[in-house]
Structures are given as C-alpha cells and as structure tokens.
Amino acid sequence: MEIIKAERKQAKIKLAFQGPSGSGKTFSALLMAYGLAGSWDKIVVIDTENGSSNLYAHLGDFNVINFSAPYTPEKFVAAIALAESSGMEVIIMDSISHEWEGQGGILDVHSSMAGNSFTNWAKLTPRHNAFVQGILNCKCHVIGTIRSKQDYVLTEKNGKHVPEKVGLKGVTREGMDYEFTVVLDLDIKHHATASKDRTCLFMDKPQFIITDNTGVKLKEWCESGSSVIEVIKQVEAVETINELRTIYNKYPEYRTQIEMLVKEKKRSLEAESFLNDVTLKASENGIRK
C-alpha cells in the first residue's frame, strides 16, 4: 500500500444512451461510434432488436452480431469477447435492457425460480455482475443503449395541448448507470442531455444533437491521458527498484504490455547494484591495505 499522485490514463469509453422508443438511441450510438473509431468496419452492433440496426446500413459498412433469445448475461459476455477478439474498436450493445428483462434475462429467470425470492437473488446477482465486468474490462469502447419506461405528458404546441412521449426510469438493474463513464438521456426529439458525465464534456451543457463529431471529441478526451508508450519510457528511465515497483503498481491496466520490460529492467538494476557493491568493497579493501 502506498500513496501516489493522481494521474489520468488513456481510456476506453463506457457510454450509455437512455431514452424511450423512437428517441434515436441506435442512430445516435452509430454516429458516436463512427467518431470514436474513425472507420465503419471497426464498429460492431450486438443487435437484440430483431436486426433493427440494419435499417441504418446506409450510414456505412459496420458489422452486426444478430443476438436472439435467450438473453442471458453469459451470452452477452461471449458476444463482447467475440467482438474484441475480432479487432473491433467500438462495440454497440443495442440494447442491454434485454439482459435484465428479456427472455432468459435476469428478471425472467428470477420470476420462474422456486423458493425464497430473496435468496434466489444470491444466485442471479453474480451472473449480472459478471455481465457488468465484461463491459468494464473490455478493451474496446462500449456504447450501450437502455430502453426507458415511457409515459405521456401534455405540452403546448401552436396554442394546443398535445401529448408528448417522455422517458422515465431505464429498464435495467438499479444502479447500472453508475458503471458507465457517461450516460446521455435522449428525448423524443433526439436531443441529448447528460445525466452522468465524468469527462466534463457534456454535463451542465445545453441539450444537443449527437453527431459523429461528438464521438471525435470523446475520442480526444480518451487519448489525452498517459499512454503505454509513455509508461514504457518511464520504465526505461528509472534508476532504482523502488521507482520501478511504483510504476508497475501505478499502471495495472498496462501490466501485460510492460511485464517483460519490467523484469528485464529489474535484472539490469540488480546486476548494476551488485556490481556497485563489488566495486565499493574492492575499493574499501584497497584503502585498508
């Protein structure tokens, strides 16, 4: 355990679009993804909405994983792993609400389980948590769409009161929005507002329409932290074992990339320390004589 200086590293964004049916979640997610990836062929949609993402094929040659019931957490995790191993830059999960209330999803399984309702959650919560960790540990940018429960309110338009669809609570487990870096709420006119934003790019800003440029700005934010190349330079520059240990502990996300270099540097520092000790002892013996 040690105290180190806070430092922002380069990151892969975990973002959610939340809104009612017709608010433009899929379309907005695709535009955001294009800004992040810079190329349509590096984008994949895990499509649980009966192939609805194919309606936007005119935008570009993005990829699709057609995802049908049962919507188990394990199936979602496997789809994420497939996308990641296929070299995708951005994964769009459209929508993650199916993992919660779809056929074979957490709520669906819970409702069919016999026995005590409370103790049954002890069996299902680890499965949902594994799904969350699959998103958070993914080395790609991940955009999830969350369907909102919806209602209608009366709004005045041209002197008349007309019903307008509004989104309410997102259809997913309570607290799921805490897991994302950014949560953008979409209304029926496709306007986005941030209900959560750790990047400070969108919070407390006027509502706006998502474009691919929104994704470009987000990509710049993701790449503005420390990169693995900078960490490698730090490893090469250290002069003591303690400094090397500090860097290794400071960047757990880069350990796979720097592990061999750290071991080589450690051996080099130990050999250098041993040589210095031998030289010092030889010098001390010469003085005594």
C-alpha atoms as a PDB file:
ATOM      1  CA  MET A   1       0.000   0.000   0.000  1.00  0.00           C
ATOM      2  CA  GLU A   2       1.384   3.414  -0.963  1.00  0.00           C
ATOM      3  CA  ILE A   3       0.334   6.956  -1.752  1.00  0.00           C
ATOM      4  CA  ILE A   4       0.833   8.045  -5.373  1.00  0.00           C
ATOM      5  CA  LYS A   5      -0.039  11.130  -7.381  1.00  0.00           C
ATOM      6  CA  ALA A   6      -3.368  11.048  -9.198  1.00  0.00           C
ATOM      7  CA  GLU A   7      -2.981  10.790 -12.967  1.00  0.00           C
ATOM      8  CA  ARG A   8      -5.489  10.206 -15.743  1.00  0.00           C
ATOM      9  CA  LYS A   9      -4.591   7.415 -18.131  1.00  0.00           C
ATOM     10  CA  GLN A  10      -5.795   6.848 -21.654  1.00  0.00           C
ATOM     11  CA  ALA A  11      -9.169   5.133 -21.537  1.00  0.00           C
ATOM     12  CA  LYS A  12     -11.771   3.233 -23.495  1.00  0.00           C
ATOM     13  CA  ILE A  13     -15.112   4.952 -23.012  1.00  0.00           C
ATOM     14  CA  LYS A  14     -18.054   3.122 -21.483  1.00  0.00           C
ATOM     15  CA  LEU A  15     -21.120   5.147 -22.506  1.00  0.00           C
ATOM     16  CA  ALA A  16     -24.882   4.619 -22.359  1.00  0.00           C
ATOM     17  CA  PHE A  17     -27.750   6.177 -24.298  1.00  0.00           C
ATOM     18  CA  GLN A  18     -31.016   6.095 -22.394  1.00  0.00           C
ATOM     19  CA  GLY A  19     -34.397   7.034 -23.810  1.00  0.00           C
ATOM     20  CA  PRO A  20     -37.881   5.903 -24.857  1.00  0.00           C
ATOM     21  CA  SER A  21     -38.705   4.111 -28.084  1.00  0.00           C
ATOM     22  CA  GLY A  22     -38.204   6.461 -31.033  1.00  0.00           C
ATOM     23  CA  SER A  23     -35.691   8.721 -29.314  1.00  0.00           C
ATOM     24  CA  GLY A  24     -32.884   7.710 -31.688  1.00  0.00           C
ATOM     25  CA  LYS A  25     -30.685   5.576 -29.440  1.00  0.00           C
ATOM     26  CA  THR A  26     -29.384   3.257 -32.173  1.00  0.00           C
ATOM     27  CA  PHE A  27     -28.802   6.040 -34.707  1.00  0.00           C
ATOM     28  CA  SER A  28     -27.051   8.217 -32.127  1.00  0.00           C
ATOM     29  CA  ALA A  29     -24.921   5.271 -30.974  1.00  0.00           C
ATOM     30  CA  LEU A  30     -23.769   4.605 -34.544  1.00  0.00           C
ATOM     31  CA  LEU A  31     -22.795   8.240 -35.133  1.00  0.00           C
ATOM     32  CA  MET A  32     -20.961   8.355 -31.808  1.00  0.00           C
ATOM     33  CA  ALA A  33     -19.191   5.081 -32.633  1.00  0.00           C
ATOM     34  CA  TYR A  34     -18.041   6.364 -36.019  1.00  0.00           C
ATOM     35  CA  GLY A  35     -16.493   9.423 -34.378  1.00  0.00           C
ATOM     36  CA  LEU A  36     -14.696   7.168 -31.893  1.00  0.00           C
ATOM     37  CA  ALA A  37     -13.480   4.571 -34.408  1.00  0.00           C
ATOM     38  CA  GLY A  38     -12.935   6.752 -37.485  1.00  0.00           C
ATOM     39  CA  SER A  39     -13.934   3.765 -39.609  1.00  0.00           C
ATOM     40  CA  TRP A  40     -17.229   1.910 -40.042  1.00  0.00           C
ATOM     41  CA  ASP A  41     -15.571  -1.511 -40.364  1.00  0.00           C
ATOM     42  CA  LYS A  42     -14.219  -1.218 -36.813  1.00  0.00           C
ATOM     43  CA  ILE A  43     -17.735  -0.952 -35.356  1.00  0.00           C
ATOM     44  CA  VAL A  44     -19.929  -3.905 -34.368  1.00  0.00           C
ATOM     45  CA  VAL A  45     -23.521  -3.845 -33.117  1.00  0.00           C
ATOM     46  CA  ILE A  46     -24.680  -6.598 -30.760  1.00  0.00           C
ATOM     47  CA  ASP A  47     -28.253  -6.381 -32.030  1.00  0.00           C
ATOM     48  CA  THR A  48     -31.003  -7.696 -29.753  1.00  0.00           C
ATOM     49  CA  GLU A  49     -33.694  -5.643 -31.505  1.00  0.00           C
ATOM     50  CA  ASN A  50     -34.623  -8.043 -34.332  1.00  0.00           C
ATOM     51  CA  GLY A  51     -31.968  -6.664 -36.671  1.00  0.00           C
ATOM     52  CA  SER A  52     -33.122  -3.053 -36.365  1.00  0.00           C
ATOM     53  CA  SER A  53     -29.550  -1.777 -36.737  1.00  0.00           C
ATOM     54  CA  ASN A  54     -29.616  -2.981 -40.354  1.00  0.00           C
ATOM     55  CA  LEU A  55     -32.039  -0.131 -41.091  1.00  0.00           C
ATOM     56  CA  TYR A  56     -29.036   2.178 -40.816  1.00  0.00           C
ATOM     57  CA  ALA A  57     -26.760   0.208 -43.155  1.00  0.00           C
ATOM     58  CA  HIS A  58     -26.734   3.232 -45.489  1.00  0.00           C
ATOM     59  CA  LEU A  59     -24.515   5.029 -42.957  1.00  0.00           C
ATOM     60  CA  GLY A  60     -21.561   2.709 -43.567  1.00  0.00           C
ATOM     61  CA  ASP A  61     -20.265  -0.857 -43.601  1.00  0.00           C
ATOM     62  CA  PHE A  62     -20.449  -1.573 -39.878  1.00  0.00           C
ATOM     63  CA  ASN A  63     -20.680  -5.111 -38.518  1.00  0.00           C
ATOM     64  CA  VAL A  64     -23.571  -6.830 -36.743  1.00  0.00           C
ATOM     65  CA  ILE A  65     -23.881  -9.737 -34.307  1.00  0.00           C
ATOM     66  CA  ASN A  66     -27.523 -10.830 -34.538  1.00  0.00           C
ATOM     67  CA  PHE A  67     -28.460 -11.715 -30.984  1.00  0.00           C
ATOM     68  CA  SER A  68     -31.626 -13.681 -30.203  1.00  0.00           C
ATOM     69  CA  ALA A  69     -33.189 -15.158 -27.065  1.00  0.00           C
ATOM     70  CA  PRO A  70     -32.303 -16.362 -24.546  1.00  0.00           C
ATOM     71  CA  TYR A  71     -30.722 -13.067 -23.490  1.00  0.00           C
ATOM     72  CA  THR A  72     -28.505 -14.494 -20.770  1.00  0.00           C
ATOM     73  CA  PRO A  73     -25.641 -12.489 -19.235  1.00  0.00           C
ATOM     74  CA  GLU A  74     -23.228 -15.203 -20.360  1.00  0.00           C
ATOM     75  CA  LYS A  75     -24.295 -14.797 -23.997  1.00  0.00           C
ATOM     76  CA  PHE A  76     -23.655 -11.063 -23.820  1.00  0.00           C
ATOM     77  CA  VAL A  77     -20.197 -11.653 -22.336  1.00  0.00           C
ATOM     78  CA  ALA A  78     -19.406 -14.151 -25.108  1.00  0.00           C
ATOM     79  CA  ALA A  79     -20.526 -11.633 -27.765  1.00  0.00           C
ATOM     80  CA  ILE A  80     -18.279  -8.960 -26.239  1.00  0.00           C
ATOM     81  CA  ALA A  81     -15.338 -11.382 -26.279  1.00  0.00           C
ATOM     82  CA  LEU A  82     -16.033 -12.265 -29.936  1.00  0.00           C
ATOM     83  CA  ALA A  83     -16.121  -8.592 -30.926  1.00  0.00           C
ATOM     84  CA  GLU A  84     -12.932  -7.828 -29.029  1.00  0.00           C
ATOM     85  CA  SER A  85     -11.021 -10.798 -30.498  1.00  0.00           C
ATOM     86  CA  SER A  86     -12.168  -9.758 -33.992  1.00  0.00           C
ATOM     87  CA  GLY A  87     -10.325  -6.448 -33.737  1.00  0.00           C
ATOM     88  CA  MET A  88     -13.304  -4.145 -33.268  1.00  0.00           C
ATOM     89  CA  GLU A  89     -12.721  -0.634 -31.910  1.00  0.00           C
ATOM     90  CA  VAL A  90     -16.282   0.107 -30.783  1.00  0.00           C
ATOM     91  CA  ILE A  91     -18.968  -2.289 -29.532  1.00  0.00           C
ATOM     92  CA  ILE A  92     -22.586  -1.101 -29.517  1.00  0.00           C
ATOM     93  CA  MET A  93     -24.874  -3.175 -27.275  1.00  0.00           C
ATOM     94  CA  ASP A  94     -28.377  -2.481 -28.577  1.00  0.00           C
ATOM     95  CA  SER A  95     -29.886  -2.968 -26.117  1.00  0.00           C
ATOM     96  CA  ILE A  96     -28.571  -4.022 -22.720  1.00  0.00           C
ATOM     97  CA  SER A  97     -32.130  -3.884 -21.375  1.00  0.00           C
ATOM     98  CA  HIS A  98     -32.680  -7.401 -22.730  1.00  0.00           C
ATOM     99  CA  GLU A  99     -30.097  -8.783 -20.285  1.00  0.00           C
ATOM    100  CA  TRP A 100     -32.354  -7.593 -17.488  1.00  0.00           C
ATOM    101  CA  GLU A 101     -35.943  -8.183 -18.615  1.00  0.00           C
ATOM    102  CA  GLY A 102     -35.744 -10.083 -21.915  1.00  0.00           C
ATOM    103  CA  GLN A 103     -36.488 -13.765 -22.406  1.00  0.00           C
ATOM    104  CA  GLY A 104     -33.821 -15.641 -20.452  1.00  0.00           C
ATOM    105  CA  GLY A 105     -32.683 -12.396 -18.827  1.00  0.00           C
ATOM    106  CA  ILE A 106     -32.210 -11.900 -15.098  1.00  0.00           C
ATOM    107  CA  LEU A 107     -35.795 -10.892 -14.238  1.00  0.00           C
ATOM    108  CA  ASP A 108     -37.248 -13.603 -16.448  1.00  0.00           C
ATOM    109  CA  VAL A 109     -35.171 -16.303 -14.734  1.00  0.00           C
ATOM    110  CA  HIS A 110     -35.925 -14.906 -11.275  1.00  0.00           C
ATOM    111  CA  SER A 111     -39.671 -14.989 -11.872  1.00  0.00           C
ATOM    112  CA  SER A 112     -39.514 -18.684 -12.785  1.00  0.00           C
ATOM    113  CA  MET A 113     -37.383 -19.804  -9.831  1.00  0.00           C
ATOM    114  CA  ALA A 114     -38.969 -21.726  -6.986  1.00  0.00           C
ATOM    115  CA  GLY A 115     -38.217 -20.992  -3.362  1.00  0.00           C
ATOM    116  CA  ASN A 116     -37.409 -17.817  -1.490  1.00  0.00           C
ATOM    117  CA  SER A 117     -37.315 -14.741  -3.743  1.00  0.00           C
ATOM    118  CA  PHE A 118     -34.621 -13.036  -1.675  1.00  0.00           C
ATOM    119  CA  THR A 119     -32.214 -15.970  -1.565  1.00  0.00           C
ATOM    120  CA  ASN A 120     -32.732 -16.550  -5.297  1.00  0.00           C
ATOM    121  CA  TRP A 121     -31.103 -13.164  -5.937  1.00  0.00           C
ATOM    122  CA  ALA A 122     -27.907 -14.537  -4.397  1.00  0.00           C
ATOM    123  CA  LYS A 123     -27.717 -16.911  -7.356  1.00  0.00           C
ATOM    124  CA  LEU A 124     -28.540 -14.320 -10.021  1.00  0.00           C
ATOM    125  CA  THR A 125     -26.595 -11.265  -8.834  1.00  0.00           C
ATOM    126  CA  PRO A 126     -23.167 -12.840  -9.576  1.00  0.00           C
ATOM    127  CA  ARG A 127     -24.332 -13.540 -13.142  1.00  0.00           C
ATOM    128  CA  HIS A 128     -25.375  -9.909 -13.632  1.00  0.00           C
ATOM    129  CA  ASN A 129     -22.140  -8.701 -12.026  1.00  0.00           C
ATOM    130  CA  ALA A 130     -20.132 -10.829 -14.489  1.00  0.00           C
ATOM    131  CA  PHE A 131     -22.021  -9.110 -17.312  1.00  0.00           C
ATOM    132  CA  VAL A 132     -21.098  -5.686 -15.881  1.00  0.00           C
ATOM    133  CA  GLN A 133     -17.453  -6.706 -15.512  1.00  0.00           C
ATOM    134  CA  GLY A 134     -17.451  -7.954 -19.102  1.00  0.00           C
ATOM    135  CA  ILE A 135     -18.325  -4.416 -20.191  1.00  0.00           C
ATOM    136  CA  LEU A 136     -15.898  -2.673 -17.846  1.00  0.00           C
ATOM    137  CA  ASN A 137     -12.948  -4.979 -18.633  1.00  0.00           C
ATOM    138  CA  CYS A 138     -13.459  -4.798 -22.395  1.00  0.00           C
ATOM    139  CA  LYS A 139     -10.530  -3.212 -24.225  1.00  0.00           C
ATOM    140  CA  CYS A 140     -12.868  -1.626 -26.781  1.00  0.00           C
ATOM    141  CA  HIS A 141     -15.061   1.425 -26.491  1.00  0.00           C
ATOM    142  CA  VAL A 142     -18.506   0.196 -25.417  1.00  0.00           C
ATOM    143  CA  ILE A 143     -21.781   2.004 -26.084  1.00  0.00           C
ATOM    144  CA  GLY A 144     -24.904   0.538 -24.513  1.00  0.00           C
ATOM    145  CA  THR A 145     -28.479   1.551 -25.246  1.00  0.00           C
ATOM    146  CA  ILE A 146     -31.015   1.391 -22.428  1.00  0.00           C
ATOM    147  CA  ARG A 147     -34.755   1.476 -23.081  1.00  0.00           C
ATOM    148  CA  SER A 148     -36.685   3.801 -20.778  1.00  0.00           C
ATOM    149  CA  LYS A 149     -40.129   3.164 -19.401  1.00  0.00           C
ATOM    150  CA  GLN A 150     -42.268   5.769 -21.034  1.00  0.00           C
ATOM    151  CA  ASP A 151     -45.216   7.979 -20.308  1.00  0.00           C
ATOM    152  CA  TYR A 152     -47.000  10.865 -21.999  1.00  0.00           C
ATOM    153  CA  VAL A 153     -47.251  14.469 -20.858  1.00  0.00           C
ATOM    154  CA  LEU A 154     -49.274  17.311 -22.332  1.00  0.00           C
ATOM    155  CA  THR A 155     -47.226  20.074 -23.940  1.00  0.00           C
ATOM    156  CA  GLU A 156     -48.421  23.255 -25.578  1.00  0.00           C
ATOM    157  CA  LYS A 157     -47.852  23.478 -29.337  1.00  0.00           C
ATOM    158  CA  ASN A 158     -49.391  26.122 -31.603  1.00  0.00           C
ATOM    159  CA  GLY A 159     -51.808  27.062 -28.845  1.00  0.00           C
ATOM    160  CA  LYS A 160     -52.983  23.472 -28.352  1.00  0.00           C
ATOM    161  CA  HIS A 161     -52.107  20.848 -25.768  1.00  0.00           C
ATOM    162  CA  VAL A 162     -50.744  17.729 -27.413  1.00  0.00           C
ATOM    163  CA  PRO A 163     -49.407  14.510 -25.808  1.00  0.00           C
ATOM    164  CA  GLU A 164     -45.656  14.020 -25.965  1.00  0.00           C
ATOM    165  CA  LYS A 165     -43.751  10.816 -25.182  1.00  0.00           C
ATOM    166  CA  VAL A 166     -41.181  11.098 -22.367  1.00  0.00           C
ATOM    167  CA  GLY A 167     -38.700   8.637 -20.959  1.00  0.00           C
ATOM    168  CA  LEU A 168     -38.738   7.649 -17.313  1.00  0.00           C
ATOM    169  CA  LYS A 169     -36.554   5.143 -15.494  1.00  0.00           C
ATOM    170  CA  GLY A 170     -34.169   2.998 -17.559  1.00  0.00           C
ATOM    171  CA  VAL A 171     -35.018  -0.694 -17.967  1.00  0.00           C
ATOM    172  CA  THR A 172     -32.020  -2.314 -16.326  1.00  0.00           C
ATOM    173  CA  ARG A 173     -30.864  -3.135 -12.820  1.00  0.00           C
ATOM    174  CA  GLU A 174     -30.936  -0.297 -10.299  1.00  0.00           C
ATOM    175  CA  GLY A 175     -27.565   1.457 -10.272  1.00  0.00           C
ATOM    176  CA  MET A 176     -26.434   0.193 -13.683  1.00  0.00           C
ATOM    177  CA  ASP A 177     -25.872   3.790 -14.799  1.00  0.00           C
ATOM    178  CA  TYR A 178     -23.151   4.106 -12.145  1.00  0.00           C
ATOM    179  CA  GLU A 179     -20.995   1.699 -14.136  1.00  0.00           C
ATOM    180  CA  PHE A 180     -20.743   3.973 -17.181  1.00  0.00           C
ATOM    181  CA  THR A 181     -18.399   6.916 -17.619  1.00  0.00           C
ATOM    182  CA  VAL A 182     -21.082   8.864 -19.482  1.00  0.00           C
ATOM    183  CA  VAL A 183     -24.875   8.479 -19.554  1.00  0.00           C
ATOM    184  CA  LEU A 184     -26.747  10.570 -22.132  1.00  0.00           C
ATOM    185  CA  ASP A 185     -30.531  10.832 -21.971  1.00  0.00           C
ATOM    186  CA  LEU A 186     -32.354  11.210 -25.292  1.00  0.00           C
ATOM    187  CA  ASP A 187     -35.826  12.710 -25.676  1.00  0.00           C
ATOM    188  CA  ILE A 188     -38.319  12.034 -28.458  1.00  0.00           C
ATOM    189  CA  LYS A 189     -36.862  14.939 -30.478  1.00  0.00           C
ATOM    190  CA  HIS A 190     -33.429  13.254 -30.330  1.00  0.00           C
ATOM    191  CA  HIS A 191     -31.953  15.895 -28.021  1.00  0.00           C
ATOM    192  CA  ALA A 192     -29.268  14.619 -25.656  1.00  0.00           C
ATOM    193  CA  THR A 193     -28.549  15.762 -22.115  1.00  0.00           C
ATOM    194  CA  ALA A 194     -26.049  14.262 -19.693  1.00  0.00           C
ATOM    195  CA  SER A 195     -27.358  12.697 -16.504  1.00  0.00           C
ATOM    196  CA  LYS A 196     -23.852  11.476 -15.678  1.00  0.00           C
ATOM    197  CA  ASP A 197     -20.554  12.643 -17.154  1.00  0.00           C
ATOM    198  CA  ARG A 198     -17.078  12.002 -15.750  1.00  0.00           C
ATOM    199  CA  THR A 199     -15.467  13.563 -18.818  1.00  0.00           C
ATOM    200  CA  CYS A 200     -16.991  17.026 -18.120  1.00  0.00           C
ATOM    201  CA  LEU A 201     -17.630  17.371 -21.869  1.00  0.00           C
ATOM    202  CA  PHE A 202     -21.431  17.277 -21.635  1.00  0.00           C
ATOM    203  CA  MET A 203     -22.532  17.882 -18.055  1.00  0.00           C
ATOM    204  CA  ASP A 204     -24.417  21.145 -17.383  1.00  0.00           C
ATOM    205  CA  LYS A 205     -24.363  21.928 -21.114  1.00  0.00           C
ATOM    206  CA  PRO A 206     -27.473  22.799 -23.189  1.00  0.00           C
ATOM    207  CA  GLN A 207     -29.202  19.878 -24.879  1.00  0.00           C
ATOM    208  CA  PHE A 208     -27.686  18.908 -28.221  1.00  0.00           C
ATOM    209  CA  ILE A 209     -27.991  16.534 -31.176  1.00  0.00           C
ATOM    210  CA  ILE A 210     -25.477  13.668 -31.415  1.00  0.00           C
ATOM    211  CA  THR A 211     -23.189  13.722 -34.479  1.00  0.00           C
ATOM    212  CA  ASP A 212     -20.004  11.884 -35.384  1.00  0.00           C
ATOM    213  CA  ASN A 213     -18.128  14.981 -34.204  1.00  0.00           C
ATOM    214  CA  THR A 214     -19.417  14.239 -30.700  1.00  0.00           C
ATOM    215  CA  GLY A 215     -17.557  10.951 -30.906  1.00  0.00           C
ATOM    216  CA  VAL A 216     -14.408  12.695 -32.162  1.00  0.00           C
ATOM    217  CA  LYS A 217     -14.410  14.989 -29.114  1.00  0.00           C
ATOM    218  CA  LEU A 218     -14.876  11.994 -26.844  1.00  0.00           C
ATOM    219  CA  LYS A 219     -12.011  10.163 -28.564  1.00  0.00           C
ATOM    220  CA  GLU A 220      -9.713  13.158 -27.971  1.00  0.00           C
ATOM    221  CA  TRP A 221     -10.616  13.030 -24.289  1.00  0.00           C
ATOM    222  CA  CYS A 222      -9.918   9.275 -24.148  1.00  0.00           C
ATOM    223  CA  GLU A 223      -6.493   9.691 -25.738  1.00  0.00           C
ATOM    224  CA  SER A 224      -5.378  12.695 -23.700  1.00  0.00           C
ATOM    225  CA  GLY A 225      -4.127  10.644 -20.729  1.00  0.00           C
ATOM    226  CA  SER A 226      -0.931   8.662 -20.256  1.00  0.00           C
ATOM    227  CA  SER A 227      -0.333   6.059 -22.971  1.00  0.00           C
ATOM    228  CA  VAL A 228       1.523   2.757 -22.768  1.00  0.00           C
ATOM    229  CA  ILE A 229       4.371   4.320 -24.797  1.00  0.00           C
ATOM    230  CA  GLU A 230       4.816   6.980 -22.119  1.00  0.00           C
ATOM    231  CA  VAL A 231       4.761   4.314 -19.409  1.00  0.00           C
ATOM    232  CA  ILE A 232       7.457   2.325 -21.245  1.00  0.00           C
ATOM    233  CA  LYS A 233       9.626   5.452 -21.335  1.00  0.00           C
ATOM    234  CA  GLN A 234       9.138   5.842 -17.572  1.00  0.00           C
ATOM    235  CA  VAL A 235      10.220   2.221 -17.005  1.00  0.00           C
ATOM    236  CA  GLU A 236      13.334   2.704 -19.120  1.00  0.00           C
ATOM    237  CA  ALA A 237      14.277   5.844 -17.194  1.00  0.00           C
ATOM    238  CA  VAL A 238      14.014   4.515 -13.611  1.00  0.00           C
ATOM    239  CA  GLU A 239      17.188   4.209 -11.559  1.00  0.00           C
ATOM    240  CA  THR A 240      16.033   2.177  -8.552  1.00  0.00           C
ATOM    241  CA  ILE A 241      13.968  -0.921  -7.806  1.00  0.00           C
ATOM    242  CA  ASN A 242      11.583   1.158  -5.692  1.00  0.00           C
ATOM    243  CA  GLU A 243      10.877   3.510  -8.629  1.00  0.00           C
ATOM    244  CA  LEU A 244      10.266   0.501 -10.870  1.00  0.00           C
ATOM    245  CA  ARG A 245       7.837  -1.014  -8.343  1.00  0.00           C
ATOM    246  CA  THR A 246       5.945   2.284  -8.082  1.00  0.00           C
ATOM    247  CA  ILE A 247       5.414   2.487 -11.850  1.00  0.00           C
ATOM    248  CA  TYR A 248       4.325  -1.154 -12.063  1.00  0.00           C
ATOM    249  CA  ASN A 249       1.721  -0.624  -9.325  1.00  0.00           C
ATOM    250  CA  LYS A 250       0.572   2.709 -10.773  1.00  0.00           C
ATOM    251  CA  TYR A 251      -0.493   1.333 -14.167  1.00  0.00           C
ATOM    252  CA  PRO A 252      -2.279  -2.020 -13.629  1.00  0.00           C
ATOM    253  CA  GLU A 253      -4.038  -1.674 -16.995  1.00  0.00           C
ATOM    254  CA  TYR A 254      -0.668  -1.760 -18.804  1.00  0.00           C
ATOM    255  CA  ARG A 255       0.920  -4.645 -16.900  1.00  0.00           C
ATOM    256  CA  THR A 256       0.528  -7.131 -19.748  1.00  0.00           C
ATOM    257  CA  GLN A 257       2.367  -4.813 -22.153  1.00  0.00           C
ATOM    258  CA  ILE A 258       5.186  -3.805 -19.772  1.00  0.00           C
ATOM    259  CA  GLU A 259       5.704  -7.008 -17.747  1.00  0.00           C
ATOM    260  CA  MET A 260       8.680  -8.344 -19.741  1.00  0.00           C
ATOM    261  CA  LEU A 261      10.310  -4.919 -19.875  1.00  0.00           C
ATOM    262  CA  VAL A 262       9.889  -4.524 -16.100  1.00  0.00           C
ATOM    263  CA  LYS A 263      11.522  -7.918 -15.472  1.00  0.00           C
ATOM    264  CA  GLU A 264      14.464  -7.042 -17.728  1.00  0.00           C
ATOM    265  CA  LYS A 265      14.845  -3.647 -16.084  1.00  0.00           C
ATOM    266  CA  LYS A 266      14.741  -5.262 -12.631  1.00  0.00           C
ATOM    267  CA  ARG A 267      17.506  -7.716 -13.587  1.00  0.00           C
ATOM    268  CA  SER A 268      19.557  -4.844 -15.008  1.00  0.00           C
ATOM    269  CA  LEU A 269      19.168  -2.746 -11.845  1.00  0.00           C
ATOM    270  CA  GLU A 270      20.003  -5.729  -9.624  1.00  0.00           C
ATOM    271  CA  ALA A 271      23.117  -6.509 -11.694  1.00  0.00           C
ATOM    272  CA  GLU A 272      24.153  -2.859 -11.577  1.00  0.00           C
ATOM    273  CA  SER A 273      23.600  -2.756  -7.811  1.00  0.00           C
ATOM    274  CA  PHE A 274      25.639  -5.963  -7.360  1.00  0.00           C
ATOM    275  CA  LEU A 275      28.497  -4.559  -9.487  1.00  0.00           C
ATOM    276  CA  ASN A 276      28.486  -1.334  -7.492  1.00  0.00           C
ATOM    277  CA  ASP A 277      28.658  -3.304  -4.218  1.00  0.00           C
ATOM    278  CA  VAL A 278      31.592  -5.365  -5.505  1.00  0.00           C
ATOM    279  CA  THR A 279      33.419  -2.231  -6.685  1.00  0.00           C
ATOM    280  CA  LEU A 280      32.770  -0.499  -3.358  1.00  0.00           C
ATOM    281  CA  LYS A 281      34.065  -3.465  -1.333  1.00  0.00           C
ATOM    282  CA  ALA A 282      37.153  -3.720  -3.527  1.00  0.00           C
ATOM    283  CA  SER A 283      37.780  -0.020  -3.007  1.00  0.00           C
ATOM    284  CA  GLU A 284      37.351  -0.339   0.766  1.00  0.00           C
ATOM    285  CA  ASN A 285      39.773  -3.293   0.892  1.00  0.00           C
ATOM    286  CA  GLY A 286      42.321  -1.291  -1.079  1.00  0.00           C
ATOM    287  CA  ILE A 287      42.076   1.588   1.388  1.00  0.00           C
ATOM    288  CA  ARG A 288      42.616  -0.748   4.373  1.00  0.00           C
ATOM    289  CA  LYS A 289      45.739  -2.172   2.806  1.00  0.00           C
END
